[in-house]
Amino acid sequence: MRERFEQRLFRLFAQAGYSPARILTVTPEEMVEIPGITVPNIRAVLCIQNKVLAEHNKRRAGQLVEEIFKKEGGMDEIRFEAQKQDFVTESDSFTG
């Protein structure tokens, strides 16, 4: 029986040491290092990220990602990224 696309994607991430939740935050640079990943796999992950993290879903997506990281114990990393993004946004508003 043929493995479903989603199952294969989760299996590849698991074999590379990533949790399924990392699909929402992994970068393309990190994905190309995953053994066995293909261009269609990378495109699918980017599509998922874009849909989940779309502008109109930003607040809810942020809450979902935060909940996931809380469960996995990685909140310090996401809090740092959020603070860094706020800093960039604030500094951009001063220059314009």
PDB file of N, CA and C in Angstrom:
ATOM      1  N   MET A   1       0.845  -1.178   0.000  1.00  0.00           N
ATOM      2  CA  MET A   1       0.000   0.000   0.000  1.00  0.00           C
ATOM      3  C   MET A   1       0.896   1.249   0.000  1.00  0.00           C
ATOM      4  N   ARG A   2       0.508   2.236  -0.758  1.00  0.00           N
ATOM      5  CA  ARG A   2       1.299   3.450  -0.894  1.00  0.00           C
ATOM      6  C   ARG A   2       1.086   4.394   0.296  1.00  0.00           C
ATOM      7  N   GLU A   3       2.154   4.976   0.770  1.00  0.00           N
ATOM      8  CA  GLU A   3       2.102   5.897   1.913  1.00  0.00           C
ATOM      9  C   GLU A   3       1.482   7.225   1.484  1.00  0.00           C
ATOM     10  N   ARG A   4       0.582   7.750   2.288  1.00  0.00           N
ATOM     11  CA  ARG A   4      -0.045   9.037   1.984  1.00  0.00           C
ATOM     12  C   ARG A   4       0.983  10.152   2.078  1.00  0.00           C
ATOM     13  N   PHE A   5       0.754  11.182   1.288  1.00  0.00           N
ATOM     14  CA  PHE A   5       1.689  12.300   1.199  1.00  0.00           C
ATOM     15  C   PHE A   5       1.946  12.927   2.573  1.00  0.00           C
ATOM     16  N   GLU A   6       0.870  13.179   3.319  1.00  0.00           N
ATOM     17  CA  GLU A   6       1.014  13.809   4.633  1.00  0.00           C
ATOM     18  C   GLU A   6       1.788  12.914   5.590  1.00  0.00           C
ATOM     19  N   GLN A   7       1.495  11.620   5.538  1.00  0.00           N
ATOM     20  CA  GLN A   7       2.195  10.680   6.412  1.00  0.00           C
ATOM     21  C   GLN A   7       3.684  10.654   6.087  1.00  0.00           C
ATOM     22  N   ARG A   8       4.012  10.682   4.816  1.00  0.00           N
ATOM     23  CA  ARG A   8       5.419  10.684   4.403  1.00  0.00           C
ATOM     24  C   ARG A   8       6.112  11.944   4.900  1.00  0.00           C
ATOM     25  N   LEU A   9       5.417  13.079   4.784  1.00  0.00           N
ATOM     26  CA  LEU A   9       5.985  14.342   5.230  1.00  0.00           C
ATOM     27  C   LEU A   9       6.277  14.317   6.734  1.00  0.00           C
ATOM     28  N   PHE A  10       5.310  13.839   7.515  1.00  0.00           N
ATOM     29  CA  PHE A  10       5.520  13.746   8.965  1.00  0.00           C
ATOM     30  C   PHE A  10       6.632  12.752   9.295  1.00  0.00           C
ATOM     31  N   ARG A  11       6.699  11.648   8.546  1.00  0.00           N
ATOM     32  CA  ARG A  11       7.749  10.646   8.779  1.00  0.00           C
ATOM     33  C   ARG A  11       9.130  11.235   8.500  1.00  0.00           C
ATOM     34  N   LEU A  12       9.259  11.979   7.388  1.00  0.00           N
ATOM     35  CA  LEU A  12      10.545  12.595   7.057  1.00  0.00           C
ATOM     36  C   LEU A  12      10.986  13.566   8.156  1.00  0.00           C
ATOM     37  N   PHE A  13      10.042  14.358   8.646  1.00  0.00           N
ATOM     38  CA  PHE A  13      10.377  15.298   9.713  1.00  0.00           C
ATOM     39  C   PHE A  13      10.770  14.555  10.990  1.00  0.00           C
ATOM     40  N   ALA A  14      10.050  13.504  11.319  1.00  0.00           N
ATOM     41  CA  ALA A  14      10.356  12.727  12.526  1.00  0.00           C
ATOM     42  C   ALA A  14      11.729  12.078  12.418  1.00  0.00           C
ATOM     43  N   GLN A  15      12.055  11.526  11.256  1.00  0.00           N
ATOM     44  CA  GLN A  15      13.354  10.892  11.067  1.00  0.00           C
ATOM     45  C   GLN A  15      14.493  11.907  11.157  1.00  0.00           C
ATOM     46  N   ALA A  16      14.204  13.165  10.808  1.00  0.00           N
ATOM     47  CA  ALA A  16      15.223  14.207  10.883  1.00  0.00           C
ATOM     48  C   ALA A  16      15.299  14.816  12.285  1.00  0.00           C
ATOM     49  N   GLY A  17      14.439  14.347  13.203  1.00  0.00           N
ATOM     50  CA  GLY A  17      14.491  14.835  14.573  1.00  0.00           C
ATOM     51  C   GLY A  17      13.585  16.023  14.854  1.00  0.00           C
ATOM     52  N   TYR A  18      12.696  16.340  13.928  1.00  0.00           N
ATOM     53  CA  TYR A  18      11.758  17.447  14.123  1.00  0.00           C
ATOM     54  C   TYR A  18      10.421  16.913  14.611  1.00  0.00           C
ATOM     55  N   SER A  19       9.748  17.694  15.444  1.00  0.00           N
ATOM     56  CA  SER A  19       8.397  17.327  15.842  1.00  0.00           C
ATOM     57  C   SER A  19       7.437  17.774  14.738  1.00  0.00           C
ATOM     58  N   PRO A  20       6.244  17.188  14.683  1.00  0.00           N
ATOM     59  CA  PRO A  20       5.271  17.616  13.668  1.00  0.00           C
ATOM     60  C   PRO A  20       4.934  19.105  13.761  1.00  0.00           C
ATOM     61  N   ALA A  21       4.999  19.671  14.932  1.00  0.00           N
ATOM     62  CA  ALA A  21       4.688  21.094  15.107  1.00  0.00           C
ATOM     63  C   ALA A  21       5.702  21.983  14.410  1.00  0.00           C
ATOM     64  N   ARG A  22       6.905  21.492  14.225  1.00  0.00           N
ATOM     65  CA  ARG A  22       7.953  22.291  13.571  1.00  0.00           C
ATOM     66  C   ARG A  22       7.647  22.563  12.110  1.00  0.00           C
ATOM     67  N   ILE A  23       6.683  21.838  11.542  1.00  0.00           N
ATOM     68  CA  ILE A  23       6.296  22.099  10.156  1.00  0.00           C
ATOM     69  C   ILE A  23       5.844  23.553  10.007  1.00  0.00           C
ATOM     70  N   LEU A  24       5.284  24.122  11.068  1.00  0.00           N
ATOM     71  CA  LEU A  24       4.810  25.507  10.990  1.00  0.00           C
ATOM     72  C   LEU A  24       5.936  26.524  11.053  1.00  0.00           C
ATOM     73  N   THR A  25       7.090  26.146  11.567  1.00  0.00           N
ATOM     74  CA  THR A  25       8.146  27.138  11.786  1.00  0.00           C
ATOM     75  C   THR A  25       9.470  26.834  11.094  1.00  0.00           C
ATOM     76  N   VAL A  26       9.586  25.674  10.474  1.00  0.00           N
ATOM     77  CA  VAL A  26      10.845  25.296   9.837  1.00  0.00           C
ATOM     78  C   VAL A  26      11.083  26.176   8.609  1.00  0.00           C
ATOM     79  N   THR A  27      12.329  26.533   8.379  1.00  0.00           N
ATOM     80  CA  THR A  27      12.674  27.380   7.234  1.00  0.00           C
ATOM     81  C   THR A  27      13.044  26.504   6.029  1.00  0.00           C
ATOM     82  N   PRO A  28      12.953  27.060   4.833  1.00  0.00           N
ATOM     83  CA  PRO A  28      13.365  26.286   3.657  1.00  0.00           C
ATOM     84  C   PRO A  28      14.826  25.847   3.741  1.00  0.00           C
ATOM     85  N   GLU A  29      15.673  26.685   4.341  1.00  0.00           N
ATOM     86  CA  GLU A  29      17.088  26.327   4.491  1.00  0.00           C
ATOM     87  C   GLU A  29      17.247  25.081   5.349  1.00  0.00           C
ATOM     88  N   GLU A  30      16.421  24.966   6.391  1.00  0.00           N
ATOM     89  CA  GLU A  30      16.472  23.777   7.240  1.00  0.00           C
ATOM     90  C   GLU A  30      15.902  22.560   6.510  1.00  0.00           C
ATOM     91  N   MET A  31      14.864  22.783   5.715  1.00  0.00           N
ATOM     92  CA  MET A  31      14.216  21.662   5.025  1.00  0.00           C
ATOM     93  C   MET A  31      15.135  20.996   4.008  1.00  0.00           C
ATOM     94  N   VAL A  32      15.958  21.773   3.321  1.00  0.00           N
ATOM     95  CA  VAL A  32      16.818  21.156   2.305  1.00  0.00           C
ATOM     96  C   VAL A  32      17.852  20.228   2.930  1.00  0.00           C
ATOM     97  N   GLU A  33      18.080  20.353   4.222  1.00  0.00           N
ATOM     98  CA  GLU A  33      19.018  19.477   4.930  1.00  0.00           C
ATOM     99  C   GLU A  33      18.379  18.160   5.360  1.00  0.00           C
ATOM    100  N   ILE A  34      17.051  18.035   5.226  1.00  0.00           N
ATOM    101  CA  ILE A  34      16.351  16.823   5.649  1.00  0.00           C
ATOM    102  C   ILE A  34      16.540  15.747   4.576  1.00  0.00           C
ATOM    103  N   PRO A  35      17.095  14.601   4.944  1.00  0.00           N
ATOM    104  CA  PRO A  35      17.299  13.534   3.954  1.00  0.00           C
ATOM    105  C   PRO A  35      15.972  13.041   3.392  1.00  0.00           C
ATOM    106  N   GLY A  36      15.907  12.924   2.076  1.00  0.00           N
ATOM    107  CA  GLY A  36      14.730  12.377   1.422  1.00  0.00           C
ATOM    108  C   GLY A  36      13.638  13.378   1.097  1.00  0.00           C
ATOM    109  N   ILE A  37      13.802  14.614   1.511  1.00  0.00           N
ATOM    110  CA  ILE A  37      12.760  15.607   1.220  1.00  0.00           C
ATOM    111  C   ILE A  37      12.888  16.048  -0.237  1.00  0.00           C
ATOM    112  N   THR A  38      11.753  16.291  -0.851  1.00  0.00           N
ATOM    113  CA  THR A  38      11.731  16.671  -2.259  1.00  0.00           C
ATOM    114  C   THR A  38      11.204  18.094  -2.400  1.00  0.00           C
ATOM    115  N   VAL A  39      11.356  18.654  -3.588  1.00  0.00           N
ATOM    116  CA  VAL A  39      10.840  20.001  -3.853  1.00  0.00           C
ATOM    117  C   VAL A  39       9.326  20.052  -3.617  1.00  0.00           C
ATOM    118  N   PRO A  40       8.539  19.079  -4.083  1.00  0.00           N
ATOM    119  CA  PRO A  40       7.104  19.119  -3.771  1.00  0.00           C
ATOM    120  C   PRO A  40       6.815  19.104  -2.269  1.00  0.00           C
ATOM    121  N   ASN A  41       7.635  18.386  -1.490  1.00  0.00           N
ATOM    122  CA  ASN A  41       7.464  18.380  -0.036  1.00  0.00           C
ATOM    123  C   ASN A  41       7.693  19.773   0.535  1.00  0.00           C
ATOM    124  N   ILE A  42       8.758  20.420   0.091  1.00  0.00           N
ATOM    125  CA  ILE A  42       9.081  21.763   0.575  1.00  0.00           C
ATOM    126  C   ILE A  42       7.971  22.728   0.191  1.00  0.00           C
ATOM    127  N   ARG A  43       7.480  22.629  -1.031  1.00  0.00           N
ATOM    128  CA  ARG A  43       6.384  23.499  -1.469  1.00  0.00           C
ATOM    129  C   ARG A  43       5.135  23.274  -0.628  1.00  0.00           C
ATOM    130  N   ALA A  44       4.847  22.019  -0.307  1.00  0.00           N
ATOM    131  CA  ALA A  44       3.673  21.718   0.515  1.00  0.00           C
ATOM    132  C   ALA A  44       3.802  22.328   1.902  1.00  0.00           C
ATOM    133  N   VAL A  45       4.988  22.228   2.502  1.00  0.00           N
ATOM    134  CA  VAL A  45       5.210  22.813   3.832  1.00  0.00           C
ATOM    135  C   VAL A  45       5.057  24.331   3.767  1.00  0.00           C
ATOM    136  N   LEU A  46       5.621  24.951   2.748  1.00  0.00           N
ATOM    137  CA  LEU A  46       5.494  26.406   2.609  1.00  0.00           C
ATOM    138  C   LEU A  46       4.038  26.815   2.407  1.00  0.00           C
ATOM    139  N   CYS A  47       3.287  26.028   1.667  1.00  0.00           N
ATOM    140  CA  CYS A  47       1.863  26.295   1.470  1.00  0.00           C
ATOM    141  C   CYS A  47       1.110  26.211   2.802  1.00  0.00           C
ATOM    142  N   ILE A  48       1.406  25.173   3.580  1.00  0.00           N
ATOM    143  CA  ILE A  48       0.781  25.028   4.902  1.00  0.00           C
ATOM    144  C   ILE A  48       1.121  26.235   5.770  1.00  0.00           C
ATOM    145  N   GLN A  49       2.390  26.615   5.792  1.00  0.00           N
ATOM    146  CA  GLN A  49       2.807  27.757   6.598  1.00  0.00           C
ATOM    147  C   GLN A  49       2.088  29.027   6.165  1.00  0.00           C
ATOM    148  N   ASN A  50       1.981  29.253   4.863  1.00  0.00           N
ATOM    149  CA  ASN A  50       1.321  30.457   4.365  1.00  0.00           C
ATOM    150  C   ASN A  50      -0.154  30.489   4.720  1.00  0.00           C
ATOM    151  N   LYS A  51      -0.826  29.346   4.624  1.00  0.00           N
ATOM    152  CA  LYS A  51      -2.250  29.306   4.956  1.00  0.00           C
ATOM    153  C   LYS A  51      -2.484  29.509   6.448  1.00  0.00           C
ATOM    154  N   VAL A  52      -1.690  28.852   7.258  1.00  0.00           N
ATOM    155  CA  VAL A  52      -1.876  28.944   8.709  1.00  0.00           C
ATOM    156  C   VAL A  52      -1.456  30.315   9.232  1.00  0.00           C
ATOM    157  N   LEU A  53      -0.364  30.817   8.683  1.00  0.00           N
ATOM    158  CA  LEU A  53       0.184  32.067   9.190  1.00  0.00           C
ATOM    159  C   LEU A  53      -0.193  33.275   8.325  1.00  0.00           C
ATOM    160  N   ALA A  54      -1.270  33.155   7.536  1.00  0.00           N
ATOM    161  CA  ALA A  54      -1.713  34.249   6.672  1.00  0.00           C
ATOM    162  C   ALA A  54      -2.068  35.473   7.506  1.00  0.00           C
ATOM    163  N   GLU A  55      -2.044  36.616   6.869  1.00  0.00           N
ATOM    164  CA  GLU A  55      -2.282  37.903   7.551  1.00  0.00           C
ATOM    165  C   GLU A  55      -3.586  37.894   8.356  1.00  0.00           C
ATOM    166  N   HIS A  56      -4.666  37.415   7.765  1.00  0.00           N
ATOM    167  CA  HIS A  56      -5.951  37.439   8.473  1.00  0.00           C
ATOM    168  C   HIS A  56      -6.021  36.409   9.593  1.00  0.00           C
ATOM    169  N   ASN A  57      -5.088  35.486   9.631  1.00  0.00           N
ATOM    170  CA  ASN A  57      -5.061  34.466  10.681  1.00  0.00           C
ATOM    171  C   ASN A  57      -3.910  34.684  11.667  1.00  0.00           C
ATOM    172  N   LYS A  58      -3.223  35.809  11.571  1.00  0.00           N
ATOM    173  CA  LYS A  58      -1.994  35.986  12.340  1.00  0.00           C
ATOM    174  C   LYS A  58      -2.172  35.820  13.844  1.00  0.00           C
ATOM    175  N   ARG A  59      -3.177  36.462  14.397  1.00  0.00           N
ATOM    176  CA  ARG A  59      -3.352  36.382  15.849  1.00  0.00           C
ATOM    177  C   ARG A  59      -3.639  34.947  16.284  1.00  0.00           C
ATOM    178  N   ARG A  60      -4.581  34.290  15.627  1.00  0.00           N
ATOM    179  CA  ARG A  60      -4.918  32.912  15.992  1.00  0.00           C
ATOM    180  C   ARG A  60      -3.739  31.975  15.730  1.00  0.00           C
ATOM    181  N   ALA A  61      -3.054  32.183  14.614  1.00  0.00           N
ATOM    182  CA  ALA A  61      -1.898  31.355  14.292  1.00  0.00           C
ATOM    183  C   ALA A  61      -0.816  31.514  15.354  1.00  0.00           C
ATOM    184  N   GLY A  62      -0.601  32.751  15.782  1.00  0.00           N
ATOM    185  CA  GLY A  62       0.383  33.002  16.825  1.00  0.00           C
ATOM    186  C   GLY A  62       0.033  32.278  18.109  1.00  0.00           C
ATOM    187  N   GLN A  63      -1.259  32.282  18.435  1.00  0.00           N
ATOM    188  CA  GLN A  63      -1.703  31.578  19.630  1.00  0.00           C
ATOM    189  C   GLN A  63      -1.491  30.075  19.485  1.00  0.00           C
ATOM    190  N   LEU A  64      -1.789  29.544  18.297  1.00  0.00           N
ATOM    191  CA  LEU A  64      -1.599  28.110  18.071  1.00  0.00           C
ATOM    192  C   LEU A  64      -0.130  27.718  18.173  1.00  0.00           C
ATOM    193  N   VAL A  65       0.725  28.508  17.536  1.00  0.00           N
ATOM    194  CA  VAL A  65       2.158  28.214  17.578  1.00  0.00           C
ATOM    195  C   VAL A  65       2.669  28.318  19.015  1.00  0.00           C
ATOM    196  N   GLU A  66       2.190  29.326  19.743  1.00  0.00           N
ATOM    197  CA  GLU A  66       2.607  29.490  21.135  1.00  0.00           C
ATOM    198  C   GLU A  66       2.182  28.288  21.975  1.00  0.00           C
ATOM    199  N   GLU A  67       0.953  27.802  21.771  1.00  0.00           N
ATOM    200  CA  GLU A  67       0.486  26.629  22.504  1.00  0.00           C
ATOM    201  C   GLU A  67       1.346  25.408  22.195  1.00  0.00           C
ATOM    202  N   ILE A  68       1.694  25.251  20.925  1.00  0.00           N
ATOM    203  CA  ILE A  68       2.522  24.113  20.516  1.00  0.00           C
ATOM    204  C   ILE A  68       3.886  24.184  21.187  1.00  0.00           C
ATOM    205  N   PHE A  69       4.488  25.355  21.173  1.00  0.00           N
ATOM    206  CA  PHE A  69       5.815  25.492  21.779  1.00  0.00           C
ATOM    207  C   PHE A  69       5.768  25.338  23.292  1.00  0.00           C
ATOM    208  N   LYS A  70       4.678  25.763  23.914  1.00  0.00           N
ATOM    209  CA  LYS A  70       4.542  25.563  25.357  1.00  0.00           C
ATOM    210  C   LYS A  70       4.561  24.075  25.685  1.00  0.00           C
ATOM    211  N   LYS A  71       3.831  23.305  24.874  1.00  0.00           N
ATOM    212  CA  LYS A  71       3.769  21.859  25.096  1.00  0.00           C
ATOM    213  C   LYS A  71       5.137  21.215  24.907  1.00  0.00           C
ATOM    214  N   GLU A  72       5.925  21.755  23.975  1.00  0.00           N
ATOM    215  CA  GLU A  72       7.228  21.172  23.674  1.00  0.00           C
ATOM    216  C   GLU A  72       8.359  21.810  24.472  1.00  0.00           C
ATOM    217  N   GLY A  73       8.047  22.839  25.240  1.00  0.00           N
ATOM    218  CA  GLY A  73       9.064  23.475  26.064  1.00  0.00           C
ATOM    219  C   GLY A  73       9.965  24.433  25.312  1.00  0.00           C
ATOM    220  N   GLY A  74       9.535  24.939  24.163  1.00  0.00           N
ATOM    221  CA  GLY A  74      10.360  25.838  23.371  1.00  0.00           C
ATOM    222  C   GLY A  74       9.877  27.271  23.367  1.00  0.00           C
ATOM    223  N   MET A  75       9.241  27.722  24.435  1.00  0.00           N
ATOM    224  CA  MET A  75       8.674  29.073  24.461  1.00  0.00           C
ATOM    225  C   MET A  75       9.732  30.158  24.441  1.00  0.00           C
ATOM    226  N   ASP A  76      10.895  29.952  24.999  1.00  0.00           N
ATOM    227  CA  ASP A  76      11.924  30.995  25.014  1.00  0.00           C
ATOM    228  C   ASP A  76      12.310  31.402  23.602  1.00  0.00           C
ATOM    229  N   GLU A  77      12.431  30.427  22.721  1.00  0.00           N
ATOM    230  CA  GLU A  77      12.814  30.691  21.334  1.00  0.00           C
ATOM    231  C   GLU A  77      11.745  31.521  20.618  1.00  0.00           C
ATOM    232  N   ILE A  78      10.475  31.147  20.778  1.00  0.00           N
ATOM    233  CA  ILE A  78       9.413  31.874  20.082  1.00  0.00           C
ATOM    234  C   ILE A  78       9.220  33.267  20.675  1.00  0.00           C
ATOM    235  N   ARG A  79       9.395  33.398  21.982  1.00  0.00           N
ATOM    236  CA  ARG A  79       9.270  34.715  22.613  1.00  0.00           C
ATOM    237  C   ARG A  79      10.373  35.638  22.099  1.00  0.00           C
ATOM    238  N   PHE A  80      11.583  35.123  21.944  1.00  0.00           N
ATOM    239  CA  PHE A  80      12.690  35.907  21.413  1.00  0.00           C
ATOM    240  C   PHE A  80      12.395  36.362  19.987  1.00  0.00           C
ATOM    241  N   GLU A  81      11.894  35.444  19.160  1.00  0.00           N
ATOM    242  CA  GLU A  81      11.570  35.794  17.771  1.00  0.00           C
ATOM    243  C   GLU A  81      10.483  36.856  17.723  1.00  0.00           C
ATOM    244  N   ALA A  82       9.464  36.758  18.583  1.00  0.00           N
ATOM    245  CA  ALA A  82       8.385  37.743  18.603  1.00  0.00           C
ATOM    246  C   ALA A  82       8.917  39.108  19.023  1.00  0.00           C
ATOM    247  N   GLN A  83       9.789  39.141  20.016  1.00  0.00           N
ATOM    248  CA  GLN A  83      10.371  40.407  20.449  1.00  0.00           C
ATOM    249  C   GLN A  83      11.242  40.998  19.351  1.00  0.00           C
ATOM    250  N   LYS A  84      11.989  40.155  18.658  1.00  0.00           N
ATOM    251  CA  LYS A  84      12.834  40.624  17.575  1.00  0.00           C
ATOM    252  C   LYS A  84      11.971  41.212  16.458  1.00  0.00           C
ATOM    253  N   GLN A  85      10.853  40.545  16.134  1.00  0.00           N
ATOM    254  CA  GLN A  85       9.957  41.036  15.091  1.00  0.00           C
ATOM    255  C   GLN A  85       9.322  42.360  15.502  1.00  0.00           C
ATOM    256  N   ASP A  86       8.913  42.493  16.768  1.00  0.00           N
ATOM    257  CA  ASP A  86       8.346  43.756  17.251  1.00  0.00           C
ATOM    258  C   ASP A  86       9.363  44.874  17.127  1.00  0.00           C
ATOM    259  N   PHE A  87      10.625  44.586  17.443  1.00  0.00           N
ATOM    260  CA  PHE A  87      11.678  45.593  17.344  1.00  0.00           C
ATOM    261  C   PHE A  87      11.851  46.054  15.906  1.00  0.00           C
ATOM    262  N   VAL A  88      11.869  45.124  14.972  1.00  0.00           N
ATOM    263  CA  VAL A  88      12.031  45.472  13.566  1.00  0.00           C
ATOM    264  C   VAL A  88      10.868  46.322  13.103  1.00  0.00           C
ATOM    265  N   THR A  89       9.639  45.954  13.488  1.00  0.00           N
ATOM    266  CA  THR A  89       8.452  46.701  13.098  1.00  0.00           C
ATOM    267  C   THR A  89       8.495  48.117  13.666  1.00  0.00           C
ATOM    268  N   GLU A  90       8.871  48.251  14.945  1.00  0.00           N
ATOM    269  CA  GLU A  90       8.941  49.568  15.570  1.00  0.00           C
ATOM    270  C   GLU A  90      10.039  50.416  14.934  1.00  0.00           C
ATOM    271  N   SER A  91      11.199  49.839  14.666  1.00  0.00           N
ATOM    272  CA  SER A  91      12.282  50.623  14.080  1.00  0.00           C
ATOM    273  C   SER A  91      11.948  51.043  12.652  1.00  0.00           C
ATOM    274  N   ASP A  92      11.188  50.221  11.915  1.00  0.00           N
ATOM    275  CA  ASP A  92      10.753  50.591  10.566  1.00  0.00           C
ATOM    276  C   ASP A  92       9.821  51.789  10.605  1.00  0.00           C
ATOM    277  N   SER A  93       8.963  51.858  11.625  1.00  0.00           N
ATOM    278  CA  SER A  93       8.014  52.962  11.699  1.00  0.00           C
ATOM    279  C   SER A  93       8.704  54.288  12.011  1.00  0.00           C
ATOM    280  N   PHE A  94       9.874  54.235  12.658  1.00  0.00           N
ATOM    281  CA  PHE A  94      10.606  55.468  12.963  1.00  0.00           C
ATOM    282  C   PHE A  94      11.332  56.014  11.751  1.00  0.00           C
ATOM    283  N   THR A  95      11.712  55.148  10.845  1.00  0.00           N
ATOM    284  CA  THR A  95      12.470  55.586   9.680  1.00  0.00           C
ATOM    285  C   THR A  95      11.583  56.119   8.572  1.00  0.00           C
ATOM    286  N   GLY A  96      10.314  55.735   8.563  1.00  0.00           N
ATOM    287  CA  GLY A  96       9.410  56.111   7.470  1.00  0.00           C
ATOM    288  C   GLY A  96       8.694  57.337   7.764  1.00  0.00           C
TER     289      GLY A  96
END
